[in-house]
Amino acid sequence: MSLAGIRALTFDTGGTVLDWHTGFREAFAVAGRRHGIEHDWAALANGLRRRSMEAMLDLRANGTPGHNFDDAHRTCLDALLEDEGLAAFDAADRRSIAWDAPHGFTAWPDVREGLAALRERYIVASFSLLSCRLIIDTSRRNGLSWDAVLSCEGLGIYKLLPASYRRAAAMLQLRSDECLMVACHPFDLDAAQAQGFRTALVRRPTEWGADSASRPPLPPAGS
């Protein structure tokens, strides 16, 4: 793939950069052990991620949810635990899962060195649905260096709305065709491409855990 004319790489962060599944699964398992509960923690991790993503992929006219991703994690966790009959999980468990775990997600092994190498030639930005604080915390934890953090929370408009991609490019003072959207989610790449971005698909075969291959891609909200 030619990168001629590309001046900035904008990275989806949850999933493409961060291994959310392992972080959530381990946090659920720790809470379960505290209460002597056995469960399919991997399925719960995926359930929380799916619900939270659906809460953020808001394609209504204004496109600005009244919550950020941290809020979505918390409210979706409460609903998930109720549905799964896990009322024994107390406030400390819930904070550990909904806040401590995502703010401590581990980056995939190729990310740190890869970003550093790319920054020698390009502007490299996080362009994510995640909250600004979550990106900051996980970047500090994993030693990730960005030239810019373009959290949709800060942009005031969320992917997958067309204007979110145009605004991200404008924040970098670049044309859309000078930006390369990097993501492991085809729906994100499709939305970016429709606004003139070049795109690159990163494969994360275990994003949804060991049985990721059997899991369908998350559909855009409103589809």
C-alpha atoms as a PDB file:
ATOM      1  CA  MET A   1       0.000   0.000   0.000  1.00  0.00           C
ATOM      2  CA  SER A   2       1.379   3.399  -0.983  1.00  0.00           C
ATOM      3  CA  LEU A   3       1.451   6.125   1.658  1.00  0.00           C
ATOM      4  CA  ALA A   4       2.320   8.837  -0.845  1.00  0.00           C
ATOM      5  CA  GLY A   5       0.693  12.081   0.197  1.00  0.00           C
ATOM      6  CA  ILE A   6      -0.181  10.847   3.684  1.00  0.00           C
ATOM      7  CA  ARG A   7       0.818  13.250   6.450  1.00  0.00           C
ATOM      8  CA  ALA A   8      -1.086  11.889   9.452  1.00  0.00           C
ATOM      9  CA  LEU A   9      -2.125   8.502  10.773  1.00  0.00           C
ATOM     10  CA  THR A  10      -5.235   8.505  12.953  1.00  0.00           C
ATOM     11  CA  PHE A  11      -5.596   5.386  15.076  1.00  0.00           C
ATOM     12  CA  ASP A  12      -8.714   3.842  16.469  1.00  0.00           C
ATOM     13  CA  THR A  13      -7.620   3.027  19.994  1.00  0.00           C
ATOM     14  CA  GLY A  14     -10.022   0.605  21.688  1.00  0.00           C
ATOM     15  CA  GLY A  15      -9.419  -2.751  19.992  1.00  0.00           C
ATOM     16  CA  THR A  16      -6.809  -1.584  17.496  1.00  0.00           C
ATOM     17  CA  VAL A  17      -4.307  -0.349  20.080  1.00  0.00           C
ATOM     18  CA  LEU A  18      -5.651  -1.774  23.353  1.00  0.00           C
ATOM     19  CA  ASP A  19      -6.524  -5.349  24.339  1.00  0.00           C
ATOM     20  CA  TRP A  20      -9.833  -4.628  26.066  1.00  0.00           C
ATOM     21  CA  HIS A  21     -10.985  -8.272  26.171  1.00  0.00           C
ATOM     22  CA  THR A  22      -8.203  -9.512  28.443  1.00  0.00           C
ATOM     23  CA  GLY A  23      -8.547  -6.512  30.733  1.00  0.00           C
ATOM     24  CA  PHE A  24     -12.285  -6.904  31.210  1.00  0.00           C
ATOM     25  CA  ARG A  25     -12.138 -10.707  31.462  1.00  0.00           C
ATOM     26  CA  GLU A  26      -9.510 -10.621  34.198  1.00  0.00           C
ATOM     27  CA  ALA A  27     -11.366  -7.930  36.152  1.00  0.00           C
ATOM     28  CA  PHE A  28     -14.573  -9.982  36.043  1.00  0.00           C
ATOM     29  CA  ALA A  29     -12.672 -13.097  37.139  1.00  0.00           C
ATOM     30  CA  VAL A  30     -11.083 -11.310  40.111  1.00  0.00           C
ATOM     31  CA  ALA A  31     -14.478 -10.058  41.259  1.00  0.00           C
ATOM     32  CA  GLY A  32     -15.949 -13.511  40.806  1.00  0.00           C
ATOM     33  CA  ARG A  33     -13.261 -15.116  42.960  1.00  0.00           C
ATOM     34  CA  ARG A  34     -13.956 -12.595  45.715  1.00  0.00           C
ATOM     35  CA  HIS A  35     -17.501 -13.905  45.916  1.00  0.00           C
ATOM     36  CA  GLY A  36     -16.859 -17.564  45.089  1.00  0.00           C
ATOM     37  CA  ILE A  37     -18.749 -17.254  41.801  1.00  0.00           C
ATOM     38  CA  GLU A  38     -17.933 -19.142  38.618  1.00  0.00           C
ATOM     39  CA  HIS A  39     -19.116 -17.794  35.290  1.00  0.00           C
ATOM     40  CA  ASP A  40     -18.105 -17.435  31.650  1.00  0.00           C
ATOM     41  CA  TRP A  41     -16.049 -14.311  32.256  1.00  0.00           C
ATOM     42  CA  ALA A  42     -14.938 -14.077  28.635  1.00  0.00           C
ATOM     43  CA  ALA A  43     -18.566 -13.901  27.531  1.00  0.00           C
ATOM     44  CA  LEU A  44     -19.246 -11.202  30.115  1.00  0.00           C
ATOM     45  CA  ALA A  45     -16.253  -9.206  28.888  1.00  0.00           C
ATOM     46  CA  ASN A  46     -17.598  -9.352  25.356  1.00  0.00           C
ATOM     47  CA  GLY A  47     -21.091  -8.504  26.535  1.00  0.00           C
ATOM     48  CA  LEU A  48     -19.869  -5.397  28.324  1.00  0.00           C
ATOM     49  CA  ARG A  49     -17.853  -4.285  25.320  1.00  0.00           C
ATOM     50  CA  ARG A  50     -20.729  -4.813  22.906  1.00  0.00           C
ATOM     51  CA  ARG A  51     -23.221  -2.937  25.071  1.00  0.00           C
ATOM     52  CA  SER A  52     -20.804  -0.084  25.661  1.00  0.00           C
ATOM     53  CA  MET A  53     -20.003   0.248  21.971  1.00  0.00           C
ATOM     54  CA  GLU A  54     -23.669   0.278  21.094  1.00  0.00           C
ATOM     55  CA  ALA A  55     -24.187   3.046  23.647  1.00  0.00           C
ATOM     56  CA  MET A  56     -21.509   5.152  21.940  1.00  0.00           C
ATOM     57  CA  LEU A  57     -22.223   4.512  18.263  1.00  0.00           C
ATOM     58  CA  ASP A  58     -24.945   7.137  18.214  1.00  0.00           C
ATOM     59  CA  LEU A  59     -26.006   8.101  14.704  1.00  0.00           C
ATOM     60  CA  ARG A  60     -28.927  10.378  15.533  1.00  0.00           C
ATOM     61  CA  ALA A  61     -29.213  13.840  13.984  1.00  0.00           C
ATOM     62  CA  ASN A  62     -27.036  15.635  16.536  1.00  0.00           C
ATOM     63  CA  GLY A  63     -24.826  12.656  17.234  1.00  0.00           C
ATOM     64  CA  THR A  64     -23.600  13.757  20.649  1.00  0.00           C
ATOM     65  CA  PRO A  65     -24.418  11.270  23.408  1.00  0.00           C
ATOM     66  CA  GLY A  66     -25.118  12.670  26.838  1.00  0.00           C
ATOM     67  CA  HIS A  67     -22.365  10.443  28.229  1.00  0.00           C
ATOM     68  CA  ASN A  68     -18.763   9.507  27.541  1.00  0.00           C
ATOM     69  CA  PHE A  69     -17.275   6.029  27.264  1.00  0.00           C
ATOM     70  CA  ASP A  70     -16.557   5.838  30.991  1.00  0.00           C
ATOM     71  CA  ASP A  71     -20.232   6.520  31.690  1.00  0.00           C
ATOM     72  CA  ALA A  72     -21.192   3.863  29.154  1.00  0.00           C
ATOM     73  CA  HIS A  73     -18.948   1.295  30.837  1.00  0.00           C
ATOM     74  CA  ARG A  74     -20.540   1.994  34.206  1.00  0.00           C
ATOM     75  CA  THR A  75     -24.193   2.008  33.156  1.00  0.00           C
ATOM     76  CA  CYS A  76     -23.813  -0.946  30.806  1.00  0.00           C
ATOM     77  CA  LEU A  77     -22.031  -2.935  33.510  1.00  0.00           C
ATOM     78  CA  ASP A  78     -24.884  -2.341  35.948  1.00  0.00           C
ATOM     79  CA  ALA A  79     -27.410  -3.551  33.382  1.00  0.00           C
ATOM     80  CA  LEU A  80     -25.284  -6.566  32.440  1.00  0.00           C
ATOM     81  CA  LEU A  81     -24.812  -7.678  36.045  1.00  0.00           C
ATOM     82  CA  GLU A  82     -28.538  -7.398  36.666  1.00  0.00           C
ATOM     83  CA  ASP A  83     -29.307  -9.465  33.574  1.00  0.00           C
ATOM     84  CA  GLU A  84     -26.748 -12.107  34.601  1.00  0.00           C
ATOM     85  CA  GLY A  85     -27.929 -12.352  38.221  1.00  0.00           C
ATOM     86  CA  LEU A  86     -24.658 -11.034  39.630  1.00  0.00           C
ATOM     87  CA  ALA A  87     -26.038  -8.660  42.241  1.00  0.00           C
ATOM     88  CA  ALA A  88     -23.299  -9.845  44.629  1.00  0.00           C
ATOM     89  CA  PHE A  89     -20.823  -7.636  42.788  1.00  0.00           C
ATOM     90  CA  ASP A  90     -20.516  -4.603  45.043  1.00  0.00           C
ATOM     91  CA  ALA A  91     -19.481  -1.003  44.397  1.00  0.00           C
ATOM     92  CA  ALA A  92     -15.776  -1.853  44.647  1.00  0.00           C
ATOM     93  CA  ASP A  93     -16.149  -4.674  42.119  1.00  0.00           C
ATOM     94  CA  ARG A  94     -18.048  -2.422  39.754  1.00  0.00           C
ATOM     95  CA  ARG A  95     -15.468   0.340  39.938  1.00  0.00           C
ATOM     96  CA  SER A  96     -12.691  -2.184  39.343  1.00  0.00           C
ATOM     97  CA  ILE A  97     -14.405  -3.487  36.211  1.00  0.00           C
ATOM     98  CA  ALA A  98     -15.833  -0.256  34.787  1.00  0.00           C
ATOM     99  CA  TRP A  99     -12.980   2.141  35.625  1.00  0.00           C
ATOM    100  CA  ASP A 100      -9.785   0.476  36.834  1.00  0.00           C
ATOM    101  CA  ALA A 101      -9.771  -2.233  34.159  1.00  0.00           C
ATOM    102  CA  PRO A 102     -10.246  -0.043  31.066  1.00  0.00           C
ATOM    103  CA  HIS A 103      -7.940   2.680  32.369  1.00  0.00           C
ATOM    104  CA  GLY A 104      -5.333  -0.056  32.812  1.00  0.00           C
ATOM    105  CA  PHE A 105      -5.795  -1.880  29.502  1.00  0.00           C
ATOM    106  CA  THR A 106      -2.601  -3.302  28.006  1.00  0.00           C
ATOM    107  CA  ALA A 107      -1.597  -2.372  24.467  1.00  0.00           C
ATOM    108  CA  TRP A 108      -1.020  -5.087  21.897  1.00  0.00           C
ATOM    109  CA  PRO A 109       2.674  -6.096  21.745  1.00  0.00           C
ATOM    110  CA  ASP A 110       3.377  -4.412  18.396  1.00  0.00           C
ATOM    111  CA  VAL A 111       1.957  -1.007  19.317  1.00  0.00           C
ATOM    112  CA  ARG A 112       4.609   0.803  21.327  1.00  0.00           C
ATOM    113  CA  GLU A 113       7.521   0.310  18.948  1.00  0.00           C
ATOM    114  CA  GLY A 114       5.263   0.629  15.931  1.00  0.00           C
ATOM    115  CA  LEU A 115       3.926   4.028  16.959  1.00  0.00           C
ATOM    116  CA  ALA A 116       7.415   5.279  17.758  1.00  0.00           C
ATOM    117  CA  ALA A 117       8.666   4.272  14.314  1.00  0.00           C
ATOM    118  CA  LEU A 118       5.700   5.833  12.537  1.00  0.00           C
ATOM    119  CA  ARG A 119       6.106   9.111  14.414  1.00  0.00           C
ATOM    120  CA  GLU A 120       9.487   9.566  12.765  1.00  0.00           C
ATOM    121  CA  ARG A 121       7.692  10.184   9.459  1.00  0.00           C
ATOM    122  CA  TYR A 122       4.071  11.056  10.207  1.00  0.00           C
ATOM    123  CA  ILE A 123       1.813  12.873  12.618  1.00  0.00           C
ATOM    124  CA  VAL A 124       0.349  10.062  14.724  1.00  0.00           C
ATOM    125  CA  ALA A 125      -2.912  10.671  16.572  1.00  0.00           C
ATOM    126  CA  SER A 126      -5.340   8.670  18.640  1.00  0.00           C
ATOM    127  CA  PHE A 127      -8.804   9.191  17.095  1.00  0.00           C
ATOM    128  CA  SER A 128     -11.164   7.323  19.338  1.00  0.00           C
ATOM    129  CA  LEU A 129     -14.585   7.000  20.912  1.00  0.00           C
ATOM    130  CA  LEU A 130     -12.802   6.463  24.230  1.00  0.00           C
ATOM    131  CA  SER A 131     -12.777   9.231  26.817  1.00  0.00           C
ATOM    132  CA  CYS A 132      -9.822  11.581  26.832  1.00  0.00           C
ATOM    133  CA  ARG A 133      -8.861  10.439  30.334  1.00  0.00           C
ATOM    134  CA  LEU A 134      -8.936   6.771  29.349  1.00  0.00           C
ATOM    135  CA  ILE A 135      -6.600   7.421  26.422  1.00  0.00           C
ATOM    136  CA  ILE A 136      -4.266   9.413  28.676  1.00  0.00           C
ATOM    137  CA  ASP A 137      -4.182   6.736  31.383  1.00  0.00           C
ATOM    138  CA  THR A 138      -3.612   3.808  29.028  1.00  0.00           C
ATOM    139  CA  SER A 139      -0.993   5.727  27.049  1.00  0.00           C
ATOM    140  CA  ARG A 140       0.950   6.528  30.211  1.00  0.00           C
ATOM    141  CA  ARG A 141       0.672   2.945  31.410  1.00  0.00           C
ATOM    142  CA  ASN A 142       1.922   1.495  28.120  1.00  0.00           C
ATOM    143  CA  GLY A 143       4.481   4.164  27.255  1.00  0.00           C
ATOM    144  CA  LEU A 144       2.620   5.252  24.121  1.00  0.00           C
ATOM    145  CA  SER A 145       3.455   8.605  22.566  1.00  0.00           C
ATOM    146  CA  TRP A 146       0.915  10.460  20.441  1.00  0.00           C
ATOM    147  CA  ASP A 147       1.287  13.746  18.611  1.00  0.00           C
ATOM    148  CA  ALA A 148      -2.389  14.401  19.320  1.00  0.00           C
ATOM    149  CA  VAL A 149      -5.271  12.831  21.216  1.00  0.00           C
ATOM    150  CA  LEU A 150      -8.454  13.324  19.204  1.00  0.00           C
ATOM    151  CA  SER A 151     -10.985  11.853  21.586  1.00  0.00           C
ATOM    152  CA  CYS A 152     -14.484  12.227  20.170  1.00  0.00           C
ATOM    153  CA  GLU A 153     -15.414  13.455  23.636  1.00  0.00           C
ATOM    154  CA  GLY A 154     -13.187  16.474  23.040  1.00  0.00           C
ATOM    155  CA  LEU A 155     -14.180  16.901  19.398  1.00  0.00           C
ATOM    156  CA  GLY A 156     -17.805  17.163  20.485  1.00  0.00           C
ATOM    157  CA  ILE A 157     -18.991  14.740  17.822  1.00  0.00           C
ATOM    158  CA  TYR A 158     -18.647  10.978  17.692  1.00  0.00           C
ATOM    159  CA  LYS A 159     -17.672   8.444  15.104  1.00  0.00           C
ATOM    160  CA  LEU A 160     -19.317   7.123  12.978  1.00  0.00           C
ATOM    161  CA  LEU A 161     -20.937  10.447  12.087  1.00  0.00           C
ATOM    162  CA  PRO A 162     -19.386  11.852   8.890  1.00  0.00           C
ATOM    163  CA  ALA A 163     -18.592  15.213  10.469  1.00  0.00           C
ATOM    164  CA  SER A 164     -16.412  13.559  13.133  1.00  0.00           C
ATOM    165  CA  TYR A 165     -13.857  12.509  10.518  1.00  0.00           C
ATOM    166  CA  ARG A 166     -13.883  15.905   8.839  1.00  0.00           C
ATOM    167  CA  ARG A 167     -13.404  17.596  12.199  1.00  0.00           C
ATOM    168  CA  ALA A 168     -10.483  15.337  13.106  1.00  0.00           C
ATOM    169  CA  ALA A 169      -8.721  16.236   9.857  1.00  0.00           C
ATOM    170  CA  ALA A 170      -9.475  19.927  10.427  1.00  0.00           C
ATOM    171  CA  MET A 171      -7.975  19.766  13.922  1.00  0.00           C
ATOM    172  CA  LEU A 172      -4.745  18.572  12.309  1.00  0.00           C
ATOM    173  CA  GLN A 173      -5.054  21.322   9.665  1.00  0.00           C
ATOM    174  CA  LEU A 174      -4.985  18.693   6.955  1.00  0.00           C
ATOM    175  CA  ARG A 175      -7.226  17.590   4.132  1.00  0.00           C
ATOM    176  CA  SER A 176      -9.028  14.296   4.640  1.00  0.00           C
ATOM    177  CA  ASP A 177      -7.015  12.703   1.843  1.00  0.00           C
ATOM    178  CA  GLU A 178      -3.821  13.505   3.743  1.00  0.00           C
ATOM    179  CA  CYS A 179      -5.015  11.337   6.652  1.00  0.00           C
ATOM    180  CA  LEU A 180      -4.867   7.561   6.985  1.00  0.00           C
ATOM    181  CA  MET A 181      -7.429   6.003   9.321  1.00  0.00           C
ATOM    182  CA  VAL A 182      -5.952   2.904  10.983  1.00  0.00           C
ATOM    183  CA  ALA A 183      -8.401   0.500  12.615  1.00  0.00           C
ATOM    184  CA  CYS A 184      -9.299  -3.135  13.136  1.00  0.00           C
ATOM    185  CA  HIS A 185     -13.006  -2.364  12.629  1.00  0.00           C
ATOM    186  CA  PRO A 186     -14.173  -2.268   8.999  1.00  0.00           C
ATOM    187  CA  PHE A 187     -17.189  -0.107   9.860  1.00  0.00           C
ATOM    188  CA  ASP A 188     -14.853   2.630  11.151  1.00  0.00           C
ATOM    189  CA  LEU A 189     -12.733   2.422   8.022  1.00  0.00           C
ATOM    190  CA  ASP A 190     -15.774   2.533   5.752  1.00  0.00           C
ATOM    191  CA  ALA A 191     -17.057   5.666   7.485  1.00  0.00           C
ATOM    192  CA  ALA A 192     -13.641   7.324   7.272  1.00  0.00           C
ATOM    193  CA  GLN A 193     -13.185   6.419   3.618  1.00  0.00           C
ATOM    194  CA  ALA A 194     -16.554   7.962   2.777  1.00  0.00           C
ATOM    195  CA  GLN A 195     -15.155  11.278   4.056  1.00  0.00           C
ATOM    196  CA  GLY A 196     -12.021  11.098   1.953  1.00  0.00           C
ATOM    197  CA  PHE A 197      -9.614   9.394   4.376  1.00  0.00           C
ATOM    198  CA  ARG A 198      -7.240   6.736   3.163  1.00  0.00           C
ATOM    199  CA  THR A 199      -7.587   3.596   5.267  1.00  0.00           C
ATOM    200  CA  ALA A 200      -5.546   0.705   6.654  1.00  0.00           C
ATOM    201  CA  LEU A 201      -7.006  -2.420   8.243  1.00  0.00           C
ATOM    202  CA  VAL A 202      -5.107  -3.856  11.217  1.00  0.00           C
ATOM    203  CA  ARG A 203      -6.081  -7.428  12.035  1.00  0.00           C
ATOM    204  CA  ARG A 204      -6.582  -8.267  15.701  1.00  0.00           C
ATOM    205  CA  PRO A 205      -7.737 -11.897  15.541  1.00  0.00           C
ATOM    206  CA  THR A 206      -8.129 -12.226  19.317  1.00  0.00           C
ATOM    207  CA  GLU A 207      -9.822  -8.878  19.935  1.00  0.00           C
ATOM    208  CA  TRP A 208     -12.919 -10.700  21.196  1.00  0.00           C
ATOM    209  CA  GLY A 209     -10.964 -13.484  22.872  1.00  0.00           C
ATOM    210  CA  ALA A 210      -9.891 -16.939  21.789  1.00  0.00           C
ATOM    211  CA  ASP A 211     -13.077 -17.568  19.808  1.00  0.00           C
ATOM    212  CA  SER A 212     -13.029 -14.213  18.015  1.00  0.00           C
ATOM    213  CA  ALA A 213     -13.263 -15.873  14.627  1.00  0.00           C
ATOM    214  CA  SER A 214     -16.794 -17.028  15.415  1.00  0.00           C
ATOM    215  CA  ARG A 215     -17.996 -13.590  16.491  1.00  0.00           C
ATOM    216  CA  PRO A 216     -19.623 -11.281  13.968  1.00  0.00           C
ATOM    217  CA  PRO A 217     -18.295  -7.735  13.602  1.00  0.00           C
ATOM    218  CA  LEU A 218     -20.077  -5.182  15.728  1.00  0.00           C
ATOM    219  CA  PRO A 219     -22.694  -3.477  13.570  1.00  0.00           C
ATOM    220  CA  PRO A 220     -22.967   0.293  13.513  1.00  0.00           C
ATOM    221  CA  ALA A 221     -25.750   1.736  15.645  1.00  0.00           C
ATOM    222  CA  GLY A 222     -28.853   2.433  13.648  1.00  0.00           C
ATOM    223  CA  SER A 223     -28.050  -0.203  11.038  1.00  0.00           C
END
